[in-house]
Amino acid sequence: MEAQFIRSTTPTSSISELYRLQENSQGEKGLFKSVFEEAIGTVKEAENNLANQQYLLATGQIDDAHTVQVAASEAQLAVDMLVQLRNKALEAYNELMRMGI
């Protein structure tokens, strides 16, 4: 069984790097969409890993019970990250709506 780790986000140093990342994104998807899709994929992956670890614990196929707690913490962190991304996106949208033209 492979050890699964939370993938960290990479900080961007400039706007030009963001444009470069956007151009390298898959198909016609923009950077904004790809960030959220990656976060949702991470949450799904973490939840599946947690469900698998819980199953292995319940059936007695796991030697170290602490891996279930680690998987639960990873899943919780992934959900928290997604919620914070959503909150920041909503804050940015609201700020844009308050701007005068």
Protein backbone atom coordinates (compact mmCIF):
# COMPACT_ATOMS: atom_id res chain seq x y z
CA MET A 1 0.00 0.00 0.00
CA GLU A 2 1.38 3.44 -0.96
CA ALA A 3 1.74 6.27 1.51
CA GLN A 4 -0.35 9.23 0.40
CA PHE A 5 0.61 12.74 1.28
CA ILE A 6 -1.11 16.07 0.92
CA ARG A 7 0.20 17.92 -2.08
CA SER A 8 1.29 21.43 -1.23
CA THR A 9 0.42 24.45 -3.28
CA THR A 10 3.27 26.28 -4.93
CA PRO A 11 3.50 30.03 -4.36
CA THR A 12 3.69 32.23 -7.43
CA SER A 13 6.17 35.07 -7.48
CA SER A 14 4.64 37.26 -10.16
CA ILE A 15 1.65 37.89 -12.37
CA SER A 16 3.59 36.70 -15.41
CA GLU A 17 4.02 33.32 -13.72
CA LEU A 18 0.25 33.13 -13.23
CA TYR A 19 -0.30 33.81 -16.93
CA ARG A 20 2.26 31.15 -17.79
CA LEU A 21 0.47 28.66 -15.57
CA GLN A 22 -2.83 29.59 -17.14
CA GLU A 23 -1.45 29.02 -20.63
CA ASN A 24 -0.07 25.63 -19.60
CA SER A 25 -3.37 24.52 -18.06
CA GLN A 26 -5.34 21.76 -19.72
CA GLY A 27 -7.42 22.71 -22.74
CA GLU A 28 -9.47 25.89 -22.50
CA LYS A 29 -9.74 25.84 -18.71
CA GLY A 30 -8.46 28.88 -16.94
CA LEU A 31 -6.23 29.00 -13.91
CA PHE A 32 -9.12 29.80 -11.61
CA LYS A 33 -11.11 26.77 -12.67
CA SER A 34 -8.13 24.44 -12.55
CA VAL A 35 -7.28 25.49 -8.98
CA PHE A 36 -10.78 24.61 -7.79
CA GLU A 37 -10.87 21.36 -9.75
CA GLU A 38 -7.55 20.34 -8.21
CA ALA A 39 -8.82 21.19 -4.72
CA ILE A 40 -12.01 19.19 -5.28
CA GLY A 41 -9.97 16.28 -6.61
CA THR A 42 -7.75 16.41 -3.53
CA VAL A 43 -10.81 16.31 -1.27
CA LYS A 44 -12.25 13.32 -3.16
CA GLU A 45 -8.92 11.51 -3.02
CA ALA A 46 -8.53 12.16 0.72
CA GLU A 47 -12.09 11.02 1.44
CA ASN A 48 -11.56 7.82 -0.57
CA ASN A 49 -8.30 7.16 1.28
CA LEU A 50 -10.06 7.68 4.62
CA ALA A 51 -12.89 5.32 3.66
CA ASN A 52 -10.34 2.70 2.59
CA GLN A 53 -8.38 3.05 5.84
CA GLN A 54 -11.57 2.76 7.90
CA TYR A 55 -12.56 -0.36 5.98
CA LEU A 56 -9.14 -1.92 6.55
CA LEU A 57 -9.37 -1.11 10.27
CA ALA A 58 -12.88 -2.52 10.57
CA THR A 59 -11.92 -5.76 8.85
CA GLY A 60 -8.71 -6.17 10.84
CA GLN A 61 -6.43 -5.91 7.81
CA ILE A 62 -4.40 -2.99 9.16
CA ASP A 63 -1.53 -3.27 11.61
CA ASP A 64 -1.23 0.32 12.76
CA ALA A 65 -4.45 2.09 13.72
CA HIS A 66 -2.83 5.52 13.68
CA THR A 67 -2.95 5.59 9.87
CA VAL A 68 -6.73 5.97 10.12
CA GLN A 69 -6.31 9.10 12.24
CA VAL A 70 -3.71 10.45 9.81
CA ALA A 71 -6.07 9.85 6.89
CA ALA A 72 -8.89 11.58 8.80
CA SER A 73 -6.65 14.58 9.47
CA GLU A 74 -5.62 14.74 5.80
CA ALA A 75 -9.27 14.63 4.72
CA GLN A 76 -10.19 17.37 7.18
CA LEU A 77 -7.31 19.58 6.01
CA ALA A 78 -8.32 19.08 2.38
CA VAL A 79 -11.90 20.12 3.15
CA ASP A 80 -10.70 23.12 5.18
CA MET A 81 -8.49 24.21 2.28
CA LEU A 82 -11.37 23.96 -0.18
CA VAL A 83 -13.64 25.98 2.11
CA GLN A 84 -10.98 28.68 2.48
CA LEU A 85 -10.52 28.82 -1.30
CA ARG A 86 -14.27 29.28 -1.68
CA ASN A 87 -14.34 31.99 0.97
CA LYS A 88 -11.49 33.89 -0.65
CA ALA A 89 -13.14 33.62 -4.07
CA LEU A 90 -16.39 34.99 -2.66
CA GLU A 91 -14.55 37.83 -0.93
CA ALA A 92 -12.81 38.72 -4.19
CA TYR A 93 -16.09 38.60 -6.10
CA ASN A 94 -17.81 40.83 -3.55
CA GLU A 95 -14.90 43.28 -3.68
CA LEU A 96 -15.17 43.42 -7.47
CA MET A 97 -18.90 44.06 -7.24
CA ARG A 98 -18.30 47.01 -4.87
CA MET A 99 -15.87 48.66 -7.25
CA GLY A 100 -17.17 51.60 -9.22
CA ILE A 101 -16.67 51.81 -12.93
